[in-house]
């Protein structure tokens, strides 16, 4: 099968992103192995999102372009927050609300077009995935706006922001890998229940780390005697 260099880069970086992302999610947070896996994940996800977005723009396939840009937004904003101390903000953080707002509006616009078009589709997709990304972008927008208004967030909020954004970026990458990328997998895998395990598993692990972060923050709070 003929494959363009851009598609080859997209597949390779996507595979690296999935492997490094799973490793980063499973490893103990804050330790060197986790940080190294996270750095590989950020670089590979950035390349995967950029190449995937370019391919989607040329094709065109607007939902894939939106997914690529949203994934890029999640990864970069999650990376930025761990590079900032608590209750501090970087200059790039001021751009985040504009990016998430743009993604929210674009997703809602194409979702509305799909909903009202005679075919019920835009580039082969119905309104549901467009509105799904509109909702996710709205959640990101709320967090981005809160970060800017408060000039930073607490350490627990930083970790929560980092975990859910990195985890959801991995969720999207795995969904793409086991969705469109399933054509490269043998039938003995694609025709079994194994195809339905990775995505909910990532969400469960994300919830575990979010819960652990919340519990740790509760334990660290000072207790005052009445």
Foldseek 3Di string as FASTA:
>chain_A
DDDDPLRVLLVVLLVLLLVLLVQLLPDDPPDPSNVVSLVSNLVSLLSNLVSQLVVCVVVPDVLSNLLSLLLNLLSVVLVVLVVDAALADDPVLVCSLVSLVVSLVVLQVLLVVLCPPPVCHDNPHHSVSSNVSNVVSVVSNVVSVVCVVSNGHGPLVSVLSNLVSSLVSSLSSLCCCLPVVVVVPDPVCNVDCNSVPPNVVSVVSSVVVNVVSVVVVVVPDDDDDD
